[in-house]
Amino acid sequence: MLVTFMTAVAVLALLYVMVGMKIIHQGYRYTIEHFGRFVRVAQPGFNFVPPFFYRVGHRINMMEQVLDIPGQEIITKDNAMVAVDGVVFFQVLDAAKAAYEVSDLYTAIMALSTTNLRTVMGSMDLDETLSKRDEINARLLAVVDHATEAWGVKITRVELKDIRPPRDIVDAMTRQMKAEREKRAAILESEGMRASEILRAEGEKQAKILQAEGLREAAFREAEARERAAEAEAKATTLVSDAIAGGNAQAINYFVAQKYVEAVSEFARSPNAKTILFPVEATQLIGTLGGIGELAREVMGGDNSPKPPSSQKPKTVATRGAPPSVPGVPRVEG
């Protein structure tokens, strides 16, 4: 009998210990109550809660959680109806307050977020609600976090998932956006055309300036060339005059023959003459060229000393078209 009693006591003690053993996972906290009164918070790991006298009151999730705000229709400040839904991120920091300061934590946070969302968006125009999401999120976060502070909860983020204006408002906004973009395109196109015209006019201006400078330089060069040619001609004339004054008639003969050949070559290069009729025979022209060569040799390499004047009068033989100082052509003797 004693053995049976002891065995029963041992079994009951083992059951008592087994029932009182509590394993709490990481990220959770348990509130322990003694006859219905909160006494402590059980931490993660092994905990012994004596049965019959103590019990687990609430199992609190201490990890960050996400709560969906259901879609709802909100009237904005300019009387536009929009459908809005969002999410709330929160974390329990004090398990005792979250368990005993509010009866249903999730329902309370959802209701608080919904009412403040209506308040914040109802005070803004439709354009502001569509363009100032960050401002709406910040205002909601500040209001809801301040209200839930007494519950031992920290609101980490409040985000709007979607804002859906009515279909007619969306169509009107689309037309407005299209008109605005067409306006920008027209402005940019006109500015581009203006810039193009300015650049074209500037280019034409620079081209005319460069052309004028080129013409001026060309005229200057041409005038300089004419001046040098005139100087050379004057010098040549001076030399011929000096030679004549010194009694050398070969110089004037060479000079006249050279002008004769230049005149004949000008006739040949004339664009208006297709056929040229010379008043001399071919033999006379060959003789003329030979005479010019003889004069050149005499002037360049021969004896340039003046000859004594002859007692005879100069003979003049008239031959049409032939230069002086060649056979059959009048020659002036010095």
C-alpha atoms as a PDB file:
ATOM      1  CA  MET A   1       0.000   0.000   0.000  1.00  0.00           C
ATOM      2  CA  LEU A   2       2.790   2.419   0.878  1.00  0.00           C
ATOM      3  CA  VAL A   3       4.574   1.631  -2.324  1.00  0.00           C
ATOM      4  CA  THR A   4       1.435   2.329  -4.305  1.00  0.00           C
ATOM      5  CA  PHE A   5       0.930   5.623  -2.498  1.00  0.00           C
ATOM      6  CA  MET A   6       4.494   6.700  -3.114  1.00  0.00           C
ATOM      7  CA  THR A   7       4.199   5.772  -6.747  1.00  0.00           C
ATOM      8  CA  ALA A   8       1.038   7.794  -7.104  1.00  0.00           C
ATOM      9  CA  VAL A   9       2.652  10.794  -5.420  1.00  0.00           C
ATOM     10  CA  ALA A  10       5.668  10.535  -7.726  1.00  0.00           C
ATOM     11  CA  VAL A  11       3.420  10.351 -10.784  1.00  0.00           C
ATOM     12  CA  LEU A  12       1.418  13.350  -9.620  1.00  0.00           C
ATOM     13  CA  ALA A  13       4.590  15.338  -8.931  1.00  0.00           C
ATOM     14  CA  LEU A  14       5.920  14.470 -12.359  1.00  0.00           C
ATOM     15  CA  LEU A  15       2.655  15.533 -13.971  1.00  0.00           C
ATOM     16  CA  TYR A  16       2.713  18.758 -11.937  1.00  0.00           C
ATOM     17  CA  VAL A  17       6.215  19.568 -13.099  1.00  0.00           C
ATOM     18  CA  MET A  18       5.428  18.672 -16.698  1.00  0.00           C
ATOM     19  CA  VAL A  19       2.324  20.828 -16.725  1.00  0.00           C
ATOM     20  CA  GLY A  20       4.241  23.785 -15.251  1.00  0.00           C
ATOM     21  CA  MET A  21       7.094  23.627 -17.799  1.00  0.00           C
ATOM     22  CA  LYS A  22       6.779  26.313 -20.502  1.00  0.00           C
ATOM     23  CA  ILE A  23       9.121  26.657 -23.507  1.00  0.00           C
ATOM     24  CA  ILE A  24       8.892  30.179 -25.007  1.00  0.00           C
ATOM     25  CA  HIS A  25      10.261  30.704 -28.509  1.00  0.00           C
ATOM     26  CA  GLN A  26      12.433  33.636 -29.517  1.00  0.00           C
ATOM     27  CA  GLY A  27      10.409  36.699 -30.511  1.00  0.00           C
ATOM     28  CA  TYR A  28       7.544  36.009 -28.118  1.00  0.00           C
ATOM     29  CA  ARG A  29       6.708  37.039 -24.565  1.00  0.00           C
ATOM     30  CA  TYR A  30       4.203  35.446 -22.167  1.00  0.00           C
ATOM     31  CA  THR A  31       2.423  37.324 -19.400  1.00  0.00           C
ATOM     32  CA  ILE A  32       2.160  35.323 -16.169  1.00  0.00           C
ATOM     33  CA  GLU A  33      -0.912  35.840 -13.917  1.00  0.00           C
ATOM     34  CA  HIS A  34      -1.352  34.831 -10.294  1.00  0.00           C
ATOM     35  CA  PHE A  35      -5.023  34.228  -9.652  1.00  0.00           C
ATOM     36  CA  GLY A  36      -5.848  36.605 -12.531  1.00  0.00           C
ATOM     37  CA  ARG A  37      -3.383  39.347 -11.573  1.00  0.00           C
ATOM     38  CA  PHE A  38      -0.381  40.138 -13.790  1.00  0.00           C
ATOM     39  CA  VAL A  39       2.871  39.427 -11.995  1.00  0.00           C
ATOM     40  CA  ARG A  40       5.627  39.154 -14.619  1.00  0.00           C
ATOM     41  CA  VAL A  41       6.617  38.614 -18.227  1.00  0.00           C
ATOM     42  CA  ALA A  42       8.175  35.289 -19.158  1.00  0.00           C
ATOM     43  CA  GLN A  43      11.231  35.581 -21.382  1.00  0.00           C
ATOM     44  CA  PRO A  44      12.156  33.234 -24.262  1.00  0.00           C
ATOM     45  CA  GLY A  45      13.549  29.882 -23.186  1.00  0.00           C
ATOM     46  CA  PHE A  46      12.618  27.491 -20.335  1.00  0.00           C
ATOM     47  CA  ASN A  47      10.133  28.796 -17.764  1.00  0.00           C
ATOM     48  CA  PHE A  48       8.345  27.026 -14.919  1.00  0.00           C
ATOM     49  CA  VAL A  49       4.829  28.209 -14.165  1.00  0.00           C
ATOM     50  CA  PRO A  50       3.343  26.372 -11.164  1.00  0.00           C
ATOM     51  CA  PRO A  51      -0.060  25.020 -12.146  1.00  0.00           C
ATOM     52  CA  PHE A  52      -3.274  25.940 -10.297  1.00  0.00           C
ATOM     53  CA  PHE A  53      -1.663  29.043  -8.774  1.00  0.00           C
ATOM     54  CA  TYR A  54      -0.143  30.684 -11.878  1.00  0.00           C
ATOM     55  CA  ARG A  55      -1.126  30.650 -15.503  1.00  0.00           C
ATOM     56  CA  VAL A  56      -0.129  32.174 -18.865  1.00  0.00           C
ATOM     57  CA  GLY A  57      -2.302  35.223 -19.535  1.00  0.00           C
ATOM     58  CA  HIS A  58      -1.339  36.416 -23.075  1.00  0.00           C
ATOM     59  CA  ARG A  59       1.122  35.289 -25.711  1.00  0.00           C
ATOM     60  CA  ILE A  60       2.558  38.464 -27.290  1.00  0.00           C
ATOM     61  CA  ASN A  61       4.415  38.561 -30.605  1.00  0.00           C
ATOM     62  CA  MET A  62       7.354  40.956 -30.181  1.00  0.00           C
ATOM     63  CA  MET A  63       8.472  40.893 -33.840  1.00  0.00           C
ATOM     64  CA  GLU A  64       7.628  43.625 -36.346  1.00  0.00           C
ATOM     65  CA  GLN A  65       4.262  42.947 -37.916  1.00  0.00           C
ATOM     66  CA  VAL A  66       2.282  44.180 -40.903  1.00  0.00           C
ATOM     67  CA  LEU A  67      -1.347  45.166 -40.752  1.00  0.00           C
ATOM     68  CA  ASP A  68      -3.365  45.833 -43.910  1.00  0.00           C
ATOM     69  CA  ILE A  69      -5.657  48.842 -43.972  1.00  0.00           C
ATOM     70  CA  PRO A  70      -8.716  47.795 -45.987  1.00  0.00           C
ATOM     71  CA  GLY A  71      -9.723  49.849 -49.027  1.00  0.00           C
ATOM     72  CA  GLN A  72     -12.087  52.717 -48.313  1.00  0.00           C
ATOM     73  CA  GLU A  73     -13.520  55.697 -50.143  1.00  0.00           C
ATOM     74  CA  ILE A  74     -12.448  59.130 -48.962  1.00  0.00           C
ATOM     75  CA  ILE A  75     -13.795  62.553 -49.963  1.00  0.00           C
ATOM     76  CA  THR A  76     -11.016  65.062 -50.509  1.00  0.00           C
ATOM     77  CA  LYS A  77     -11.099  68.786 -49.808  1.00  0.00           C
ATOM     78  CA  ASP A  78     -12.275  69.565 -53.354  1.00  0.00           C
ATOM     79  CA  ASN A  79     -15.118  66.984 -53.103  1.00  0.00           C
ATOM     80  CA  ALA A  80     -13.437  64.267 -55.166  1.00  0.00           C
ATOM     81  CA  MET A  81     -14.080  60.655 -54.231  1.00  0.00           C
ATOM     82  CA  VAL A  82     -10.978  58.454 -54.111  1.00  0.00           C
ATOM     83  CA  ALA A  83     -10.457  54.856 -53.014  1.00  0.00           C
ATOM     84  CA  VAL A  84      -7.433  54.306 -50.762  1.00  0.00           C
ATOM     85  CA  ASP A  85      -5.780  51.333 -49.083  1.00  0.00           C
ATOM     86  CA  GLY A  86      -2.514  50.993 -47.207  1.00  0.00           C
ATOM     87  CA  VAL A  87      -0.372  49.051 -44.749  1.00  0.00           C
ATOM     88  CA  VAL A  88       0.906  49.703 -41.226  1.00  0.00           C
ATOM     89  CA  PHE A  89       4.157  48.310 -39.837  1.00  0.00           C
ATOM     90  CA  PHE A  90       4.314  48.115 -36.051  1.00  0.00           C
ATOM     91  CA  GLN A  91       6.256  46.391 -33.270  1.00  0.00           C
ATOM     92  CA  VAL A  92       5.300  45.657 -29.655  1.00  0.00           C
ATOM     93  CA  LEU A  93       7.867  47.053 -27.249  1.00  0.00           C
ATOM     94  CA  ASP A  94       6.057  46.436 -23.938  1.00  0.00           C
ATOM     95  CA  ALA A  95       4.226  43.114 -23.697  1.00  0.00           C
ATOM     96  CA  ALA A  96       2.383  44.017 -20.494  1.00  0.00           C
ATOM     97  CA  LYS A  97       0.918  47.241 -21.934  1.00  0.00           C
ATOM     98  CA  ALA A  98      -0.002  45.548 -25.219  1.00  0.00           C
ATOM     99  CA  ALA A  99      -1.813  42.829 -23.252  1.00  0.00           C
ATOM    100  CA  TYR A 100      -3.609  44.894 -20.604  1.00  0.00           C
ATOM    101  CA  GLU A 101      -3.902  48.484 -21.932  1.00  0.00           C
ATOM    102  CA  VAL A 102      -6.058  47.621 -24.951  1.00  0.00           C
ATOM    103  CA  SER A 103      -8.502  44.800 -25.403  1.00  0.00           C
ATOM    104  CA  ASP A 104      -7.790  43.991 -29.083  1.00  0.00           C
ATOM    105  CA  LEU A 105      -4.511  45.424 -30.268  1.00  0.00           C
ATOM    106  CA  TYR A 106      -4.902  44.647 -33.995  1.00  0.00           C
ATOM    107  CA  THR A 107      -8.441  45.991 -34.256  1.00  0.00           C
ATOM    108  CA  ALA A 108      -7.484  49.133 -32.362  1.00  0.00           C
ATOM    109  CA  ILE A 109      -4.498  49.863 -34.636  1.00  0.00           C
ATOM    110  CA  MET A 110      -6.591  49.286 -37.769  1.00  0.00           C
ATOM    111  CA  ALA A 111      -9.395  51.545 -36.586  1.00  0.00           C
ATOM    112  CA  LEU A 112      -6.960  54.253 -35.531  1.00  0.00           C
ATOM    113  CA  SER A 113      -5.136  54.140 -38.862  1.00  0.00           C
ATOM    114  CA  THR A 114      -8.374  54.240 -40.872  1.00  0.00           C
ATOM    115  CA  THR A 115      -9.835  57.246 -39.088  1.00  0.00           C
ATOM    116  CA  ASN A 116      -6.602  59.238 -39.245  1.00  0.00           C
ATOM    117  CA  LEU A 117      -6.208  58.383 -42.926  1.00  0.00           C
ATOM    118  CA  ARG A 118      -9.627  59.902 -43.601  1.00  0.00           C
ATOM    119  CA  THR A 119      -8.712  62.970 -41.546  1.00  0.00           C
ATOM    120  CA  VAL A 120      -5.393  63.590 -43.266  1.00  0.00           C
ATOM    121  CA  MET A 121      -6.528  63.008 -46.855  1.00  0.00           C
ATOM    122  CA  GLY A 122      -9.825  64.822 -46.306  1.00  0.00           C
ATOM    123  CA  SER A 123      -7.906  68.028 -45.606  1.00  0.00           C
ATOM    124  CA  MET A 124      -6.048  67.924 -48.948  1.00  0.00           C
ATOM    125  CA  ASP A 125      -6.992  68.507 -52.571  1.00  0.00           C
ATOM    126  CA  LEU A 126      -7.023  65.698 -55.104  1.00  0.00           C
ATOM    127  CA  ASP A 127      -3.825  66.885 -56.746  1.00  0.00           C
ATOM    128  CA  GLU A 128      -2.101  67.009 -53.356  1.00  0.00           C
ATOM    129  CA  THR A 129      -3.221  63.507 -52.438  1.00  0.00           C
ATOM    130  CA  LEU A 130      -1.770  62.177 -55.706  1.00  0.00           C
ATOM    131  CA  SER A 131       1.498  64.092 -55.558  1.00  0.00           C
ATOM    132  CA  LYS A 132       2.266  64.234 -51.811  1.00  0.00           C
ATOM    133  CA  ARG A 133       2.247  60.615 -50.698  1.00  0.00           C
ATOM    134  CA  ASP A 134       5.359  61.074 -48.594  1.00  0.00           C
ATOM    135  CA  GLU A 135       3.716  63.916 -46.699  1.00  0.00           C
ATOM    136  CA  ILE A 136       0.581  61.829 -46.084  1.00  0.00           C
ATOM    137  CA  ASN A 137       2.677  58.894 -44.866  1.00  0.00           C
ATOM    138  CA  ALA A 138       4.670  61.124 -42.514  1.00  0.00           C
ATOM    139  CA  ARG A 139       1.561  62.737 -41.027  1.00  0.00           C
ATOM    140  CA  LEU A 140      -0.145  59.381 -40.526  1.00  0.00           C
ATOM    141  CA  LEU A 141       2.970  57.929 -38.925  1.00  0.00           C
ATOM    142  CA  ALA A 142       3.253  60.797 -36.458  1.00  0.00           C
ATOM    143  CA  VAL A 143      -0.420  60.702 -35.441  1.00  0.00           C
ATOM    144  CA  VAL A 144      -0.807  56.912 -35.132  1.00  0.00           C
ATOM    145  CA  ASP A 145       2.534  56.426 -33.368  1.00  0.00           C
ATOM    146  CA  HIS A 146       1.666  59.058 -30.801  1.00  0.00           C
ATOM    147  CA  ALA A 147      -1.749  57.452 -30.173  1.00  0.00           C
ATOM    148  CA  THR A 148      -0.379  53.913 -29.778  1.00  0.00           C
ATOM    149  CA  GLU A 149       2.488  54.874 -27.486  1.00  0.00           C
ATOM    150  CA  ALA A 150       0.339  54.158 -24.437  1.00  0.00           C
ATOM    151  CA  TRP A 151      -0.222  50.596 -25.695  1.00  0.00           C
ATOM    152  CA  GLY A 152       3.471  49.758 -25.717  1.00  0.00           C
ATOM    153  CA  VAL A 153       3.509  49.718 -29.530  1.00  0.00           C
ATOM    154  CA  LYS A 154       5.910  51.451 -31.914  1.00  0.00           C
ATOM    155  CA  ILE A 155       4.545  52.330 -35.386  1.00  0.00           C
ATOM    156  CA  THR A 156       7.549  52.040 -37.672  1.00  0.00           C
ATOM    157  CA  ARG A 157       5.994  52.861 -41.046  1.00  0.00           C
ATOM    158  CA  VAL A 158       2.684  53.781 -42.657  1.00  0.00           C
ATOM    159  CA  GLU A 159       2.439  53.416 -46.434  1.00  0.00           C
ATOM    160  CA  LEU A 160      -0.340  54.049 -48.934  1.00  0.00           C
ATOM    161  CA  LYS A 161      -0.541  51.156 -51.353  1.00  0.00           C
ATOM    162  CA  ASP A 162      -2.926  52.618 -53.895  1.00  0.00           C
ATOM    163  CA  ILE A 163      -4.997  55.736 -54.580  1.00  0.00           C
ATOM    164  CA  ARG A 164      -7.724  55.222 -57.177  1.00  0.00           C
ATOM    165  CA  PRO A 165      -9.570  58.339 -58.422  1.00  0.00           C
ATOM    166  CA  PRO A 166     -12.858  57.958 -60.365  1.00  0.00           C
ATOM    167  CA  ARG A 167     -12.683  57.096 -64.056  1.00  0.00           C
ATOM    168  CA  ASP A 168     -13.882  60.488 -65.296  1.00  0.00           C
ATOM    169  CA  ILE A 169     -11.255  62.259 -63.208  1.00  0.00           C
ATOM    170  CA  VAL A 170      -8.569  59.954 -64.585  1.00  0.00           C
ATOM    171  CA  ASP A 171      -9.686  60.771 -68.157  1.00  0.00           C
ATOM    172  CA  ALA A 172      -9.643  64.496 -67.423  1.00  0.00           C
ATOM    173  CA  MET A 173      -6.170  64.227 -65.909  1.00  0.00           C
ATOM    174  CA  THR A 174      -4.993  62.310 -68.977  1.00  0.00           C
ATOM    175  CA  ARG A 175      -6.274  65.031 -71.308  1.00  0.00           C
ATOM    176  CA  GLN A 176      -4.681  67.705 -69.134  1.00  0.00           C
ATOM    177  CA  MET A 177      -1.340  65.891 -69.144  1.00  0.00           C
ATOM    178  CA  LYS A 178      -1.500  65.436 -72.921  1.00  0.00           C
ATOM    179  CA  ALA A 179      -2.260  69.124 -73.466  1.00  0.00           C
ATOM    180  CA  GLU A 180       0.579  70.123 -71.151  1.00  0.00           C
ATOM    181  CA  ARG A 181       3.050  67.882 -72.958  1.00  0.00           C
ATOM    182  CA  GLU A 182       1.924  69.203 -76.356  1.00  0.00           C
ATOM    183  CA  LYS A 183       2.411  72.730 -75.039  1.00  0.00           C
ATOM    184  CA  ARG A 184       5.938  71.877 -73.882  1.00  0.00           C
ATOM    185  CA  ALA A 185       6.704  70.249 -77.224  1.00  0.00           C
ATOM    186  CA  ALA A 186       5.501  73.342 -79.111  1.00  0.00           C
ATOM    187  CA  ILE A 187       7.578  75.618 -76.884  1.00  0.00           C
ATOM    188  CA  LEU A 188      10.680  73.476 -77.297  1.00  0.00           C
ATOM    189  CA  GLU A 189      10.153  73.290 -81.060  1.00  0.00           C
ATOM    190  CA  SER A 190       9.811  77.075 -81.358  1.00  0.00           C
ATOM    191  CA  GLU A 191      12.894  77.592 -79.206  1.00  0.00           C
ATOM    192  CA  GLY A 192      14.806  75.137 -81.377  1.00  0.00           C
ATOM    193  CA  MET A 193      13.725  76.932 -84.562  1.00  0.00           C
ATOM    194  CA  ARG A 194      14.727  80.274 -83.069  1.00  0.00           C
ATOM    195  CA  ALA A 195      18.131  78.938 -82.060  1.00  0.00           C
ATOM    196  CA  SER A 196      18.555  77.427 -85.523  1.00  0.00           C
ATOM    197  CA  GLU A 197      17.719  80.717 -87.231  1.00  0.00           C
ATOM    198  CA  ILE A 198      20.097  82.588 -84.934  1.00  0.00           C
ATOM    199  CA  LEU A 199      22.898  80.144 -85.673  1.00  0.00           C
ATOM    200  CA  ARG A 200      22.176  80.273 -89.415  1.00  0.00           C
ATOM    201  CA  ALA A 201      22.193  84.093 -89.399  1.00  0.00           C
ATOM    202  CA  GLU A 202      25.403  84.090 -87.381  1.00  0.00           C
ATOM    203  CA  GLY A 203      26.970  81.670 -89.854  1.00  0.00           C
ATOM    204  CA  GLU A 204      25.926  83.810 -92.824  1.00  0.00           C
ATOM    205  CA  LYS A 205      27.291  86.879 -91.056  1.00  0.00           C
ATOM    206  CA  GLN A 206      30.640  85.204 -90.449  1.00  0.00           C
ATOM    207  CA  ALA A 207      30.712  83.933 -94.045  1.00  0.00           C
ATOM    208  CA  LYS A 208      30.103  87.423 -95.412  1.00  0.00           C
ATOM    209  CA  ILE A 209      32.738  88.863 -93.112  1.00  0.00           C
ATOM    210  CA  LEU A 210      35.259  86.249 -94.231  1.00  0.00           C
ATOM    211  CA  GLN A 211      34.297  86.781 -97.870  1.00  0.00           C
ATOM    212  CA  ALA A 212      34.719  90.550 -97.512  1.00  0.00           C
ATOM    213  CA  GLU A 213      38.081  90.050 -95.833  1.00  0.00           C
ATOM    214  CA  GLY A 214      39.100  87.679 -98.636  1.00  0.00           C
ATOM    215  CA  LEU A 215      38.052  90.172-101.304  1.00  0.00           C
ATOM    216  CA  ARG A 216      39.913  92.932 -99.496  1.00  0.00           C
ATOM    217  CA  GLU A 217      43.035  90.783 -99.253  1.00  0.00           C
ATOM    218  CA  ALA A 218      42.711  89.790-102.905  1.00  0.00           C
ATOM    219  CA  ALA A 219      42.284  93.422-103.963  1.00  0.00           C
ATOM    220  CA  PHE A 220      45.296  94.372-101.859  1.00  0.00           C
ATOM    221  CA  ARG A 221      47.364  91.606-103.439  1.00  0.00           C
ATOM    222  CA  GLU A 222      46.187  92.523-106.917  1.00  0.00           C
ATOM    223  CA  ALA A 223      46.995  96.200-106.346  1.00  0.00           C
ATOM    224  CA  GLU A 224      50.400  95.195-104.998  1.00  0.00           C
ATOM    225  CA  ALA A 225      50.982  92.996-108.060  1.00  0.00           C
ATOM    226  CA  ARG A 226      49.963  95.830-110.392  1.00  0.00           C
ATOM    227  CA  GLU A 227      52.237  98.168-108.494  1.00  0.00           C
ATOM    228  CA  ARG A 228      55.171  95.814-108.821  1.00  0.00           C
ATOM    229  CA  ALA A 229      54.387  95.229-112.511  1.00  0.00           C
ATOM    230  CA  ALA A 230      54.243  98.997-113.048  1.00  0.00           C
ATOM    231  CA  GLU A 231      57.526  99.384-111.202  1.00  0.00           C
ATOM    232  CA  ALA A 232      59.104  96.664-113.350  1.00  0.00           C
ATOM    233  CA  GLU A 233      57.705  98.246-116.499  1.00  0.00           C
ATOM    234  CA  ALA A 234      58.977 101.660-115.448  1.00  0.00           C
ATOM    235  CA  LYS A 235      62.356 100.196-114.631  1.00  0.00           C
ATOM    236  CA  ALA A 236      62.480  98.407-118.005  1.00  0.00           C
ATOM    237  CA  THR A 237      61.473 101.623-119.781  1.00  0.00           C
ATOM    238  CA  THR A 238      64.133 103.520-117.873  1.00  0.00           C
ATOM    239  CA  LEU A 239      66.768 100.989-118.842  1.00  0.00           C
ATOM    240  CA  VAL A 240      65.686 101.133-122.508  1.00  0.00           C
ATOM    241  CA  SER A 241      65.736 104.946-122.389  1.00  0.00           C
ATOM    242  CA  ASP A 242      69.188 104.896-120.851  1.00  0.00           C
ATOM    243  CA  ALA A 243      70.350 102.475-123.546  1.00  0.00           C
ATOM    244  CA  ILE A 244      68.942 104.699-126.312  1.00  0.00           C
ATOM    245  CA  ALA A 245      70.465 107.753-124.738  1.00  0.00           C
ATOM    246  CA  GLY A 246      73.781 105.926-124.703  1.00  0.00           C
ATOM    247  CA  GLY A 247      73.555 105.333-128.446  1.00  0.00           C
ATOM    248  CA  ASN A 248      72.506 101.613-128.386  1.00  0.00           C
ATOM    249  CA  ALA A 249      69.614 101.148-130.850  1.00  0.00           C
ATOM    250  CA  GLN A 250      69.428  97.376-130.269  1.00  0.00           C
ATOM    251  CA  ALA A 251      67.551  97.911-127.012  1.00  0.00           C
ATOM    252  CA  ILE A 252      64.630  99.760-128.636  1.00  0.00           C
ATOM    253  CA  ASN A 253      64.493  97.143-131.396  1.00  0.00           C
ATOM    254  CA  TYR A 254      64.316  94.334-128.818  1.00  0.00           C
ATOM    255  CA  PHE A 255      61.674  96.186-126.842  1.00  0.00           C
ATOM    256  CA  VAL A 256      59.454  96.781-129.914  1.00  0.00           C
ATOM    257  CA  ALA A 257      59.857  93.154-131.060  1.00  0.00           C
ATOM    258  CA  GLN A 258      58.843  91.848-127.624  1.00  0.00           C
ATOM    259  CA  LYS A 259      55.681  93.983-127.634  1.00  0.00           C
ATOM    260  CA  TYR A 260      54.913  92.725-131.122  1.00  0.00           C
ATOM    261  CA  VAL A 261      55.078  89.053-130.034  1.00  0.00           C
ATOM    262  CA  GLU A 262      52.906  89.793-126.967  1.00  0.00           C
ATOM    263  CA  ALA A 263      50.288  91.470-129.184  1.00  0.00           C
ATOM    264  CA  VAL A 264      50.226  88.482-131.561  1.00  0.00           C
ATOM    265  CA  SER A 265      49.819  86.065-128.614  1.00  0.00           C
ATOM    266  CA  GLU A 266      46.916  88.146-127.311  1.00  0.00           C
ATOM    267  CA  PHE A 267      45.207  87.759-130.690  1.00  0.00           C
ATOM    268  CA  ALA A 268      45.667  84.005-130.484  1.00  0.00           C
ATOM    269  CA  ARG A 269      44.202  83.795-126.932  1.00  0.00           C
ATOM    270  CA  SER A 270      41.174  85.939-127.724  1.00  0.00           C
ATOM    271  CA  PRO A 271      37.930  83.965-127.038  1.00  0.00           C
ATOM    272  CA  ASN A 272      36.042  85.861-129.755  1.00  0.00           C
ATOM    273  CA  ALA A 273      38.368  84.988-132.642  1.00  0.00           C
ATOM    274  CA  LYS A 274      38.135  81.572-134.189  1.00  0.00           C
ATOM    275  CA  THR A 275      40.283  82.414-137.266  1.00  0.00           C
ATOM    276  CA  ILE A 276      43.218  84.853-137.305  1.00  0.00           C
ATOM    277  CA  LEU A 277      44.513  86.368-140.567  1.00  0.00           C
ATOM    278  CA  PHE A 278      48.038  87.708-140.320  1.00  0.00           C
ATOM    279  CA  PRO A 279      49.128  90.350-142.865  1.00  0.00           C
ATOM    280  CA  VAL A 280      52.524  88.638-143.247  1.00  0.00           C
ATOM    281  CA  GLU A 281      53.678  85.402-144.752  1.00  0.00           C
ATOM    282  CA  ALA A 282      54.863  82.474-142.656  1.00  0.00           C
ATOM    283  CA  THR A 283      58.462  83.001-143.741  1.00  0.00           C
ATOM    284  CA  GLN A 284      58.342  86.588-142.588  1.00  0.00           C
ATOM    285  CA  LEU A 285      56.975  85.486-139.138  1.00  0.00           C
ATOM    286  CA  ILE A 286      59.795  82.925-138.829  1.00  0.00           C
ATOM    287  CA  GLY A 287      62.238  85.595-139.810  1.00  0.00           C
ATOM    288  CA  THR A 288      60.752  87.892-137.205  1.00  0.00           C
ATOM    289  CA  LEU A 289      61.274  85.295-134.465  1.00  0.00           C
ATOM    290  CA  GLY A 290      64.817  84.742-135.642  1.00  0.00           C
ATOM    291  CA  GLY A 291      65.483  88.463-135.568  1.00  0.00           C
ATOM    292  CA  ILE A 292      64.151  88.666-132.000  1.00  0.00           C
ATOM    293  CA  GLY A 293      66.509  85.878-130.978  1.00  0.00           C
ATOM    294  CA  GLU A 294      69.449  87.656-132.587  1.00  0.00           C
ATOM    295  CA  LEU A 295      68.562  90.859-130.786  1.00  0.00           C
ATOM    296  CA  ALA A 296      68.326  89.022-127.477  1.00  0.00           C
ATOM    297  CA  ARG A 297      71.765  87.508-127.955  1.00  0.00           C
ATOM    298  CA  GLU A 298      73.240  90.848-128.831  1.00  0.00           C
ATOM    299  CA  VAL A 299      71.659  92.566-125.835  1.00  0.00           C
ATOM    300  CA  MET A 300      72.387  89.847-123.245  1.00  0.00           C
ATOM    301  CA  GLY A 301      75.747  88.507-124.346  1.00  0.00           C
ATOM    302  CA  GLY A 302      77.109  90.741-127.102  1.00  0.00           C
ATOM    303  CA  ASP A 303      79.016  93.933-127.150  1.00  0.00           C
ATOM    304  CA  ASN A 304      76.930  96.743-125.736  1.00  0.00           C
ATOM    305  CA  SER A 305      79.356  99.559-126.618  1.00  0.00           C
ATOM    306  CA  PRO A 306      77.750 102.290-128.715  1.00  0.00           C
ATOM    307  CA  LYS A 307      78.543 102.265-132.462  1.00  0.00           C
ATOM    308  CA  PRO A 308      79.797 105.381-134.222  1.00  0.00           C
ATOM    309  CA  PRO A 309      77.105 107.215-136.041  1.00  0.00           C
ATOM    310  CA  SER A 310      76.825 106.442-139.762  1.00  0.00           C
ATOM    311  CA  SER A 311      76.982 109.117-142.394  1.00  0.00           C
ATOM    312  CA  GLN A 312      74.181 107.554-144.328  1.00  0.00           C
ATOM    313  CA  LYS A 313      70.573 108.276-143.602  1.00  0.00           C
ATOM    314  CA  PRO A 314      68.541 105.475-142.019  1.00  0.00           C
ATOM    315  CA  LYS A 315      66.747 103.353-144.499  1.00  0.00           C
ATOM    316  CA  THR A 316      63.113 102.569-144.004  1.00  0.00           C
ATOM    317  CA  VAL A 317      61.492  99.590-145.662  1.00  0.00           C
ATOM    318  CA  ALA A 318      57.744  99.459-145.205  1.00  0.00           C
ATOM    319  CA  THR A 319      56.398  95.981-144.693  1.00  0.00           C
ATOM    320  CA  ARG A 320      52.845  95.656-143.348  1.00  0.00           C
ATOM    321  CA  GLY A 321      52.391  93.792-140.128  1.00  0.00           C
ATOM    322  CA  ALA A 322      56.087  92.959-139.468  1.00  0.00           C
ATOM    323  CA  PRO A 323      57.977  94.198-136.359  1.00  0.00           C
ATOM    324  CA  PRO A 324      61.145  96.234-136.634  1.00  0.00           C
ATOM    325  CA  SER A 325      64.685  94.793-136.522  1.00  0.00           C
ATOM    326  CA  VAL A 326      63.898  91.767-138.735  1.00  0.00           C
ATOM    327  CA  PRO A 327      64.238  91.226-142.463  1.00  0.00           C
ATOM    328  CA  GLY A 328      61.576  93.051-144.419  1.00  0.00           C
ATOM    329  CA  VAL A 329      60.619  95.128-141.322  1.00  0.00           C
ATOM    330  CA  PRO A 330      61.438  98.786-140.713  1.00  0.00           C
ATOM    331  CA  ARG A 331      64.461  99.192-138.445  1.00  0.00           C
ATOM    332  CA  VAL A 332      65.671 102.262-136.618  1.00  0.00           C
ATOM    333  CA  GLU A 333      69.442 102.699-136.693  1.00  0.00           C
ATOM    334  CA  GLY A 334      70.990 104.572-133.818  1.00  0.00           C
END
